[in-house]
Structure formats: C-alpha cells, structure tokens
Amino acid sequence: QPDPEEAARAELAMKISQIDMETS
C-alpha cells in the first residue's frame, strides 16, 4: 500500500511539473 505522505508528495510534484510545463 502506498504511503499516504509519499503519495501526496508525488501528486504535488506532478502538479508542480504540470505548472512548469504550462509556464514554459
């Protein structure tokens, strides 16, 4: 089972990456 904190960090990183791509 995924660690909820790790899953939340991964989701945040994915959203930040999406913002970076949109900005670029």
mmCIF file of all heavy atoms, coordinates in Angstrom:
data_MODEL
# 
_entry.id   MODEL 
# 
loop_
_atom_site.group_PDB 
_atom_site.id 
_atom_site.type_symbol 
_atom_site.label_atom_id 
_atom_site.label_alt_id 
_atom_site.label_comp_id 
_atom_site.label_asym_id 
_atom_site.label_entity_id 
_atom_site.label_seq_id 
_atom_site.pdbx_PDB_ins_code 
_atom_site.Cartn_x 
_atom_site.Cartn_y 
_atom_site.Cartn_z 
_atom_site.occupancy 
_atom_site.B_iso_or_equiv 
_atom_site.pdbx_formal_charge 
_atom_site.auth_seq_id 
_atom_site.auth_comp_id 
_atom_site.auth_asym_id 
_atom_site.auth_atom_id 
_atom_site.pdbx_PDB_model_num 
ATOM 1   N N   . GLN A 1 1  ? 0.854  -1.180 0.000   1.00 0.00 ? 1  GLN A N   1 
ATOM 2   C CA  . GLN A 1 1  ? 0.000  0.000  0.000   1.00 0.00 ? 1  GLN A CA  1 
ATOM 3   C C   . GLN A 1 1  ? 0.895  1.236  0.000   1.00 0.00 ? 1  GLN A C   1 
ATOM 4   O O   . GLN A 1 1  ? 1.858  1.298  0.754   1.00 0.00 ? 1  GLN A O   1 
ATOM 5   C CB  . GLN A 1 1  ? -0.914 0.003  1.226   1.00 0.00 ? 1  GLN A CB  1 
ATOM 6   C CG  . GLN A 1 1  ? -1.915 -1.142 1.208   1.00 0.00 ? 1  GLN A CG  1 
ATOM 7   C CD  . GLN A 1 1  ? -2.811 -1.101 -0.016  1.00 0.00 ? 1  GLN A CD  1 
ATOM 8   O OE1 . GLN A 1 1  ? -3.358 -0.059 -0.348  1.00 0.00 ? 1  GLN A OE1 1 
ATOM 9   N NE2 . GLN A 1 1  ? -2.937 -2.228 -0.703  1.00 0.00 ? 1  GLN A NE2 1 
ATOM 10  N N   . PRO A 1 2  ? 0.585  2.195  -0.842  1.00 0.00 ? 2  PRO A N   1 
ATOM 11  C CA  . PRO A 1 2  ? 1.432  3.385  -0.890  1.00 0.00 ? 2  PRO A CA  1 
ATOM 12  C C   . PRO A 1 2  ? 1.329  4.181  0.416   1.00 0.00 ? 2  PRO A C   1 
ATOM 13  O O   . PRO A 1 2  ? 0.277  4.239  1.044   1.00 0.00 ? 2  PRO A O   1 
ATOM 14  C CB  . PRO A 1 2  ? 0.866  4.185  -2.060  1.00 0.00 ? 2  PRO A CB  1 
ATOM 15  C CG  . PRO A 1 2  ? -0.507 3.662  -2.279  1.00 0.00 ? 2  PRO A CG  1 
ATOM 16  C CD  . PRO A 1 2  ? -0.524 2.250  -1.768  1.00 0.00 ? 2  PRO A CD  1 
ATOM 17  N N   . ASP A 1 3  ? 2.423  4.760  0.796   1.00 0.00 ? 3  ASP A N   1 
ATOM 18  C CA  . ASP A 1 3  ? 2.474  5.640  1.955   1.00 0.00 ? 3  ASP A CA  1 
ATOM 19  C C   . ASP A 1 3  ? 1.696  6.901  1.597   1.00 0.00 ? 3  ASP A C   1 
ATOM 20  O O   . ASP A 1 3  ? 2.005  7.556  0.602   1.00 0.00 ? 3  ASP A O   1 
ATOM 21  C CB  . ASP A 1 3  ? 3.943  5.958  2.275   1.00 0.00 ? 3  ASP A CB  1 
ATOM 22  C CG  . ASP A 1 3  ? 4.114  6.985  3.371   1.00 0.00 ? 3  ASP A CG  1 
ATOM 23  O OD1 . ASP A 1 3  ? 3.165  7.177  4.157   1.00 0.00 ? 3  ASP A OD1 1 
ATOM 24  O OD2 . ASP A 1 3  ? 5.209  7.577  3.454   1.00 0.00 ? 3  ASP A OD2 1 
ATOM 25  N N   . PRO A 1 4  ? 0.688  7.259  2.389   1.00 0.00 ? 4  PRO A N   1 
ATOM 26  C CA  . PRO A 1 4  ? -0.121 8.447  2.041   1.00 0.00 ? 4  PRO A CA  1 
ATOM 27  C C   . PRO A 1 4  ? 0.700  9.724  1.916   1.00 0.00 ? 4  PRO A C   1 
ATOM 28  O O   . PRO A 1 4  ? 0.438  10.545 1.033   1.00 0.00 ? 4  PRO A O   1 
ATOM 29  C CB  . PRO A 1 4  ? -1.116 8.558  3.201   1.00 0.00 ? 4  PRO A CB  1 
ATOM 30  C CG  . PRO A 1 4  ? -1.137 7.217  3.839   1.00 0.00 ? 4  PRO A CG  1 
ATOM 31  C CD  . PRO A 1 4  ? 0.200  6.599  3.580   1.00 0.00 ? 4  PRO A CD  1 
ATOM 32  N N   . GLU A 1 5  ? 1.704  9.908  2.777   1.00 0.00 ? 5  GLU A N   1 
ATOM 33  C CA  . GLU A 1 5  ? 2.538  11.113 2.677   1.00 0.00 ? 5  GLU A CA  1 
ATOM 34  C C   . GLU A 1 5  ? 3.355  11.104 1.396   1.00 0.00 ? 5  GLU A C   1 
ATOM 35  O O   . GLU A 1 5  ? 3.494  12.127 0.730   1.00 0.00 ? 5  GLU A O   1 
ATOM 36  C CB  . GLU A 1 5  ? 3.452  11.219 3.895   1.00 0.00 ? 5  GLU A CB  1 
ATOM 37  C CG  . GLU A 1 5  ? 2.724  11.613 5.165   1.00 0.00 ? 5  GLU A CG  1 
ATOM 38  C CD  . GLU A 1 5  ? 3.657  11.748 6.346   1.00 0.00 ? 5  GLU A CD  1 
ATOM 39  O OE1 . GLU A 1 5  ? 4.881  11.954 6.139   1.00 0.00 ? 5  GLU A OE1 1 
ATOM 40  O OE2 . GLU A 1 5  ? 3.166  11.644 7.478   1.00 0.00 ? 5  GLU A OE2 1 
ATOM 41  N N   . GLU A 1 6  ? 3.894  9.929  1.056   1.00 0.00 ? 6  GLU A N   1 
ATOM 42  C CA  . GLU A 1 6  ? 4.677  9.820  -0.175  1.00 0.00 ? 6  GLU A CA  1 
ATOM 43  C C   . GLU A 1 6  ? 3.788  10.040 -1.397  1.00 0.00 ? 6  GLU A C   1 
ATOM 44  O O   . GLU A 1 6  ? 4.183  10.710 -2.350  1.00 0.00 ? 6  GLU A O   1 
ATOM 45  C CB  . GLU A 1 6  ? 5.341  8.438  -0.250  1.00 0.00 ? 6  GLU A CB  1 
ATOM 46  C CG  . GLU A 1 6  ? 6.308  8.295  -1.391  1.00 0.00 ? 6  GLU A CG  1 
ATOM 47  C CD  . GLU A 1 6  ? 7.013  6.954  -1.387  1.00 0.00 ? 6  GLU A CD  1 
ATOM 48  O OE1 . GLU A 1 6  ? 7.399  6.481  -0.304  1.00 0.00 ? 6  GLU A OE1 1 
ATOM 49  O OE2 . GLU A 1 6  ? 7.172  6.398  -2.477  1.00 0.00 ? 6  GLU A OE2 1 
ATOM 50  N N   . ALA A 1 7  ? 2.576  9.505  -1.357  1.00 0.00 ? 7  ALA A N   1 
ATOM 51  C CA  . ALA A 1 7  ? 1.635  9.702  -2.463  1.00 0.00 ? 7  ALA A CA  1 
ATOM 52  C C   . ALA A 1 7  ? 1.276  11.183 -2.602  1.00 0.00 ? 7  ALA A C   1 
ATOM 53  O O   . ALA A 1 7  ? 1.197  11.703 -3.721  1.00 0.00 ? 7  ALA A O   1 
ATOM 54  C CB  . ALA A 1 7  ? 0.380  8.863  -2.244  1.00 0.00 ? 7  ALA A CB  1 
ATOM 55  N N   . ALA A 1 8  ? 1.089  11.869 -1.484  1.00 0.00 ? 8  ALA A N   1 
ATOM 56  C CA  . ALA A 1 8  ? 0.764  13.297 -1.524  1.00 0.00 ? 8  ALA A CA  1 
ATOM 57  C C   . ALA A 1 8  ? 1.929  14.099 -2.092  1.00 0.00 ? 8  ALA A C   1 
ATOM 58  O O   . ALA A 1 8  ? 1.726  15.027 -2.885  1.00 0.00 ? 8  ALA A O   1 
ATOM 59  C CB  . ALA A 1 8  ? 0.402  13.794 -0.128  1.00 0.00 ? 8  ALA A CB  1 
ATOM 60  N N   . ARG A 1 9  ? 3.166  13.737 -1.693  1.00 0.00 ? 9  ARG A N   1 
ATOM 61  C CA  . ARG A 1 9  ? 4.349  14.432 -2.228  1.00 0.00 ? 9  ARG A CA  1 
ATOM 62  C C   . ARG A 1 9  ? 4.481  14.197 -3.727  1.00 0.00 ? 9  ARG A C   1 
ATOM 63  O O   . ARG A 1 9  ? 4.794  15.117 -4.492  1.00 0.00 ? 9  ARG A O   1 
ATOM 64  C CB  . ARG A 1 9  ? 5.618  13.973 -1.508  1.00 0.00 ? 9  ARG A CB  1 
ATOM 65  C CG  . ARG A 1 9  ? 5.814  14.601 -0.150  1.00 0.00 ? 9  ARG A CG  1 
ATOM 66  C CD  . ARG A 1 9  ? 7.200  14.321 0.415   1.00 0.00 ? 9  ARG A CD  1 
ATOM 67  N NE  . ARG A 1 9  ? 7.529  12.915 0.550   1.00 0.00 ? 9  ARG A NE  1 
ATOM 68  C CZ  . ARG A 1 9  ? 7.219  12.160 1.601   1.00 0.00 ? 9  ARG A CZ  1 
ATOM 69  N NH1 . ARG A 1 9  ? 6.592  12.669 2.625   1.00 0.00 ? 9  ARG A NH1 1 
ATOM 70  N NH2 . ARG A 1 9  ? 7.558  10.883 1.624   1.00 0.00 ? 9  ARG A NH2 1 
ATOM 71  N N   . ALA A 1 10 ? 4.222  12.961 -4.159  1.00 0.00 ? 10 ALA A N   1 
ATOM 72  C CA  . ALA A 1 10 ? 4.311  12.641 -5.592  1.00 0.00 ? 10 ALA A CA  1 
ATOM 73  C C   . ALA A 1 10 ? 3.251  13.401 -6.383  1.00 0.00 ? 10 ALA A C   1 
ATOM 74  O O   . ALA A 1 10 ? 3.528  13.915 -7.480  1.00 0.00 ? 10 ALA A O   1 
ATOM 75  C CB  . ALA A 1 10 ? 4.165  11.143 -5.807  1.00 0.00 ? 10 ALA A CB  1 
ATOM 76  N N   . GLU A 1 11 ? 2.056  13.506 -5.830  1.00 0.00 ? 11 GLU A N   1 
ATOM 77  C CA  . GLU A 1 11 ? 0.988  14.238 -6.514  1.00 0.00 ? 11 GLU A CA  1 
ATOM 78  C C   . GLU A 1 11 ? 1.327  15.730 -6.604  1.00 0.00 ? 11 GLU A C   1 
ATOM 79  O O   . GLU A 1 11 ? 1.133  16.360 -7.645  1.00 0.00 ? 11 GLU A O   1 
ATOM 80  C CB  . GLU A 1 11 ? -0.338 14.060 -5.785  1.00 0.00 ? 11 GLU A CB  1 
ATOM 81  C CG  . GLU A 1 11 ? -1.497 14.719 -6.499  1.00 0.00 ? 11 GLU A CG  1 
ATOM 82  C CD  . GLU A 1 11 ? -2.835 14.474 -5.824  1.00 0.00 ? 11 GLU A CD  1 
ATOM 83  O OE1 . GLU A 1 11 ? -2.935 13.574 -4.975  1.00 0.00 ? 11 GLU A OE1 1 
ATOM 84  O OE2 . GLU A 1 11 ? -3.777 15.208 -6.170  1.00 0.00 ? 11 GLU A OE2 1 
ATOM 85  N N   . LEU A 1 12 ? 1.876  16.289 -5.518  1.00 0.00 ? 12 LEU A N   1 
ATOM 86  C CA  . LEU A 1 12 ? 2.281  17.692 -5.525  1.00 0.00 ? 12 LEU A CA  1 
ATOM 87  C C   . LEU A 1 12 ? 3.377  17.926 -6.568  1.00 0.00 ? 12 LEU A C   1 
ATOM 88  O O   . LEU A 1 12 ? 3.315  18.884 -7.337  1.00 0.00 ? 12 LEU A O   1 
ATOM 89  C CB  . LEU A 1 12 ? 2.762  18.120 -4.135  1.00 0.00 ? 12 LEU A CB  1 
ATOM 90  C CG  . LEU A 1 12 ? 3.257  19.562 -4.010  1.00 0.00 ? 12 LEU A CG  1 
ATOM 91  C CD1 . LEU A 1 12 ? 2.144  20.550 -4.322  1.00 0.00 ? 12 LEU A CD1 1 
ATOM 92  C CD2 . LEU A 1 12 ? 3.825  19.802 -2.625  1.00 0.00 ? 12 LEU A CD2 1 
ATOM 93  N N   . ALA A 1 13 ? 4.354  17.030 -6.607  1.00 0.00 ? 13 ALA A N   1 
ATOM 94  C CA  . ALA A 1 13 ? 5.444  17.152 -7.584  1.00 0.00 ? 13 ALA A CA  1 
ATOM 95  C C   . ALA A 1 13 ? 4.904  17.091 -9.013  1.00 0.00 ? 13 ALA A C   1 
ATOM 96  O O   . ALA A 1 13 ? 5.356  17.828 -9.893  1.00 0.00 ? 13 ALA A O   1 
ATOM 97  C CB  . ALA A 1 13 ? 6.489  16.067 -7.367  1.00 0.00 ? 13 ALA A CB  1 
ATOM 98  N N   . MET A 1 14 ? 3.913  16.228 -9.243  1.00 0.00 ? 14 MET A N   1 
ATOM 99  C CA  . MET A 1 14 ? 3.326  16.108 -10.573 1.00 0.00 ? 14 MET A CA  1 
ATOM 100 C C   . MET A 1 14 ? 2.589  17.399 -10.943 1.00 0.00 ? 14 MET A C   1 
ATOM 101 O O   . MET A 1 14 ? 2.700  17.898 -12.061 1.00 0.00 ? 14 MET A O   1 
ATOM 102 C CB  . MET A 1 14 ? 2.362  14.923 -10.620 1.00 0.00 ? 14 MET A CB  1 
ATOM 103 C CG  . MET A 1 14 ? 1.768  14.664 -11.985 1.00 0.00 ? 14 MET A CG  1 
ATOM 104 S SD  . MET A 1 14 ? 0.658  13.250 -12.013 1.00 0.00 ? 14 MET A SD  1 
ATOM 105 C CE  . MET A 1 14 ? -0.713 13.905 -11.073 1.00 0.00 ? 14 MET A CE  1 
ATOM 106 N N   . LYS A 1 15 ? 1.865  17.976 -9.984  1.00 0.00 ? 15 LYS A N   1 
ATOM 107 C CA  . LYS A 1 15 ? 1.141  19.220 -10.254 1.00 0.00 ? 15 LYS A CA  1 
ATOM 108 C C   . LYS A 1 15 ? 2.118  20.376 -10.504 1.00 0.00 ? 15 LYS A C   1 
ATOM 109 O O   . LYS A 1 15 ? 1.884  21.210 -11.379 1.00 0.00 ? 15 LYS A O   1 
ATOM 110 C CB  . LYS A 1 15 ? 0.201  19.550 -9.100  1.00 0.00 ? 15 LYS A CB  1 
ATOM 111 C CG  . LYS A 1 15 ? -1.002 18.619 -9.045  1.00 0.00 ? 15 LYS A CG  1 
ATOM 112 C CD  . LYS A 1 15 ? -1.901 18.932 -7.868  1.00 0.00 ? 15 LYS A CD  1 
ATOM 113 C CE  . LYS A 1 15 ? -3.100 18.003 -7.828  1.00 0.00 ? 15 LYS A CE  1 
ATOM 114 N NZ  . LYS A 1 15 ? -3.962 18.279 -6.668  1.00 0.00 ? 15 LYS A NZ  1 
ATOM 115 N N   . ILE A 1 16 ? 3.200  20.425 -9.745  1.00 0.00 ? 16 ILE A N   1 
ATOM 116 C CA  . ILE A 1 16 ? 4.212  21.462 -9.952  1.00 0.00 ? 16 ILE A CA  1 
ATOM 117 C C   . ILE A 1 16 ? 4.853  21.305 -11.327 1.00 0.00 ? 16 ILE A C   1 
ATOM 118 O O   . ILE A 1 16 ? 5.067  22.284 -12.042 1.00 0.00 ? 16 ILE A O   1 
ATOM 119 C CB  . ILE A 1 16 ? 5.269  21.434 -8.825  1.00 0.00 ? 16 ILE A CB  1 
ATOM 120 C CG1 . ILE A 1 16 ? 4.640  21.990 -7.539  1.00 0.00 ? 16 ILE A CG1 1 
ATOM 121 C CG2 . ILE A 1 16 ? 6.517  22.221 -9.202  1.00 0.00 ? 16 ILE A CG2 1 
ATOM 122 C CD1 . ILE A 1 16 ? 5.508  21.844 -6.310  1.00 0.00 ? 16 ILE A CD1 1 
ATOM 123 N N   . SER A 1 17 ? 5.134  20.076 -11.704 1.00 0.00 ? 17 SER A N   1 
ATOM 124 C CA  . SER A 1 17 ? 5.704  19.813 -13.032 1.00 0.00 ? 17 SER A CA  1 
ATOM 125 C C   . SER A 1 17 ? 4.746  20.273 -14.135 1.00 0.00 ? 17 SER A C   1 
ATOM 126 O O   . SER A 1 17 ? 5.176  20.837 -15.146 1.00 0.00 ? 17 SER A O   1 
ATOM 127 C CB  . SER A 1 17 ? 6.013  18.326 -13.167 1.00 0.00 ? 17 SER A CB  1 
ATOM 128 O OG  . SER A 1 17 ? 6.504  18.028 -14.439 1.00 0.00 ? 17 SER A OG  1 
ATOM 129 N N   . GLN A 1 18 ? 3.446  20.049 -13.925 1.00 0.00 ? 18 GLN A N   1 
ATOM 130 C CA  . GLN A 1 18 ? 2.446  20.487 -14.899 1.00 0.00 ? 18 GLN A CA  1 
ATOM 131 C C   . GLN A 1 18 ? 2.452  22.012 -15.008 1.00 0.00 ? 18 GLN A C   1 
ATOM 132 O O   . GLN A 1 18 ? 2.395  22.566 -16.108 1.00 0.00 ? 18 GLN A O   1 
ATOM 133 C CB  . GLN A 1 18 ? 1.053  19.986 -14.488 1.00 0.00 ? 18 GLN A CB  1 
ATOM 134 C CG  . GLN A 1 18 ? -0.050 20.403 -15.433 1.00 0.00 ? 18 GLN A CG  1 
ATOM 135 C CD  . GLN A 1 18 ? 0.068  19.794 -16.808 1.00 0.00 ? 18 GLN A CD  1 
ATOM 136 O OE1 . GLN A 1 18 ? 0.549  18.686 -16.975 1.00 0.00 ? 18 GLN A OE1 1 
ATOM 137 N NE2 . GLN A 1 18 ? -0.345 20.534 -17.821 1.00 0.00 ? 18 GLN A NE2 1 
ATOM 138 N N   . ILE A 1 19 ? 2.539  22.704 -13.875 1.00 0.00 ? 19 ILE A N   1 
ATOM 139 C CA  . ILE A 1 19 ? 2.593  24.174 -13.890 1.00 0.00 ? 19 ILE A CA  1 
ATOM 140 C C   . ILE A 1 19 ? 3.847  24.637 -14.625 1.00 0.00 ? 19 ILE A C   1 
ATOM 141 O O   . ILE A 1 19 ? 3.803  25.575 -15.428 1.00 0.00 ? 19 ILE A O   1 
ATOM 142 C CB  . ILE A 1 19 ? 2.548  24.742 -12.453 1.00 0.00 ? 19 ILE A CB  1 
ATOM 143 C CG1 . ILE A 1 19 ? 1.164  24.505 -11.841 1.00 0.00 ? 19 ILE A CG1 1 
ATOM 144 C CG2 . ILE A 1 19 ? 2.898  26.229 -12.444 1.00 0.00 ? 19 ILE A CG2 1 
ATOM 145 C CD1 . ILE A 1 19 ? 1.085  24.783 -10.350 1.00 0.00 ? 19 ILE A CD1 1 
ATOM 146 N N   . ASP A 1 20 ? 4.985  23.971 -14.379 1.00 0.00 ? 20 ASP A N   1 
ATOM 147 C CA  . ASP A 1 20 ? 6.228  24.328 -15.074 1.00 0.00 ? 20 ASP A CA  1 
ATOM 148 C C   . ASP A 1 20 ? 6.077  24.163 -16.589 1.00 0.00 ? 20 ASP A C   1 
ATOM 149 O O   . ASP A 1 20 ? 6.536  25.011 -17.357 1.00 0.00 ? 20 ASP A O   1 
ATOM 150 C CB  . ASP A 1 20 ? 7.395  23.478 -14.568 1.00 0.00 ? 20 ASP A CB  1 
ATOM 151 C CG  . ASP A 1 20 ? 7.868  23.879 -13.184 1.00 0.00 ? 20 ASP A CG  1 
ATOM 152 O OD1 . ASP A 1 20 ? 7.564  25.012 -12.741 1.00 0.00 ? 20 ASP A OD1 1 
ATOM 153 O OD2 . ASP A 1 20 ? 8.551  23.059 -12.539 1.00 0.00 ? 20 ASP A OD2 1 
ATOM 154 N N   . MET A 1 21 ? 5.442  23.076 -17.006 1.00 0.00 ? 21 MET A N   1 
ATOM 155 C CA  . MET A 1 21 ? 5.241  22.850 -18.448 1.00 0.00 ? 21 MET A CA  1 
ATOM 156 C C   . MET A 1 21 ? 4.314  23.911 -19.042 1.00 0.00 ? 21 MET A C   1 
ATOM 157 O O   . MET A 1 21 ? 4.567  24.424 -20.140 1.00 0.00 ? 21 MET A O   1 
ATOM 158 C CB  . MET A 1 21 ? 4.686  21.446 -18.703 1.00 0.00 ? 21 MET A CB  1 
ATOM 159 C CG  . MET A 1 21 ? 5.697  20.353 -18.461 1.00 0.00 ? 21 MET A CG  1 
ATOM 160 S SD  . MET A 1 21 ? 5.192  18.649 -18.852 1.00 0.00 ? 21 MET A SD  1 
ATOM 161 C CE  . MET A 1 21 ? 3.455  18.636 -18.826 1.00 0.00 ? 21 MET A CE  1 
ATOM 162 N N   . GLU A 1 22 ? 3.244  24.266 -18.320 1.00 0.00 ? 22 GLU A N   1 
ATOM 163 C CA  . GLU A 1 22 ? 2.326  25.290 -18.802 1.00 0.00 ? 22 GLU A CA  1 
ATOM 164 C C   . GLU A 1 22 ? 3.030  26.650 -18.886 1.00 0.00 ? 22 GLU A C   1 
ATOM 165 O O   . GLU A 1 22 ? 2.818  27.402 -19.841 1.00 0.00 ? 22 GLU A O   1 
ATOM 166 C CB  . GLU A 1 22 ? 1.110  25.387 -17.876 1.00 0.00 ? 22 GLU A CB  1 
ATOM 167 C CG  . GLU A 1 22 ? 0.184  24.186 -17.966 1.00 0.00 ? 22 GLU A CG  1 
ATOM 168 C CD  . GLU A 1 22 ? -0.865 24.149 -16.855 1.00 0.00 ? 22 GLU A CD  1 
ATOM 169 O OE1 . GLU A 1 22 ? -0.889 25.066 -15.993 1.00 0.00 ? 22 GLU A OE1 1 
ATOM 170 O OE2 . GLU A 1 22 ? -1.653 23.193 -16.856 1.00 0.00 ? 22 GLU A OE2 1 
ATOM 171 N N   . THR A 1 23 ? 3.860  26.944 -17.888 1.00 0.00 ? 23 THR A N   1 
ATOM 172 C CA  . THR A 1 23 ? 4.595  28.213 -17.875 1.00 0.00 ? 23 THR A CA  1 
ATOM 173 C C   . THR A 1 23 ? 5.558  28.273 -19.056 1.00 0.00 ? 23 THR A C   1 
ATOM 174 O O   . THR A 1 23 ? 5.623  29.275 -19.771 1.00 0.00 ? 23 THR A O   1 
ATOM 175 C CB  . THR A 1 23 ? 5.344  28.384 -16.542 1.00 0.00 ? 23 THR A CB  1 
ATOM 176 O OG1 . THR A 1 23 ? 4.396  28.374 -15.476 1.00 0.00 ? 23 THR A OG1 1 
ATOM 177 C CG2 . THR A 1 23 ? 6.141  29.677 -16.514 1.00 0.00 ? 23 THR A CG2 1 
ATOM 178 N N   . SER A 1 24 ? 6.286  27.207 -19.265 1.00 0.00 ? 24 SER A N   1 
ATOM 179 C CA  . SER A 1 24 ? 7.233  27.150 -20.382 1.00 0.00 ? 24 SER A CA  1 
ATOM 180 C C   . SER A 1 24 ? 6.505  27.297 -21.714 1.00 0.00 ? 24 SER A C   1 
ATOM 181 O O   . SER A 1 24 ? 6.952  28.021 -22.608 1.00 0.00 ? 24 SER A O   1 
ATOM 182 C CB  . SER A 1 24 ? 8.005  25.833 -20.333 1.00 0.00 ? 24 SER A CB  1 
ATOM 183 O OG  . SER A 1 24 ? 8.925  25.762 -21.386 1.00 0.00 ? 24 SER A OG  1 
# 
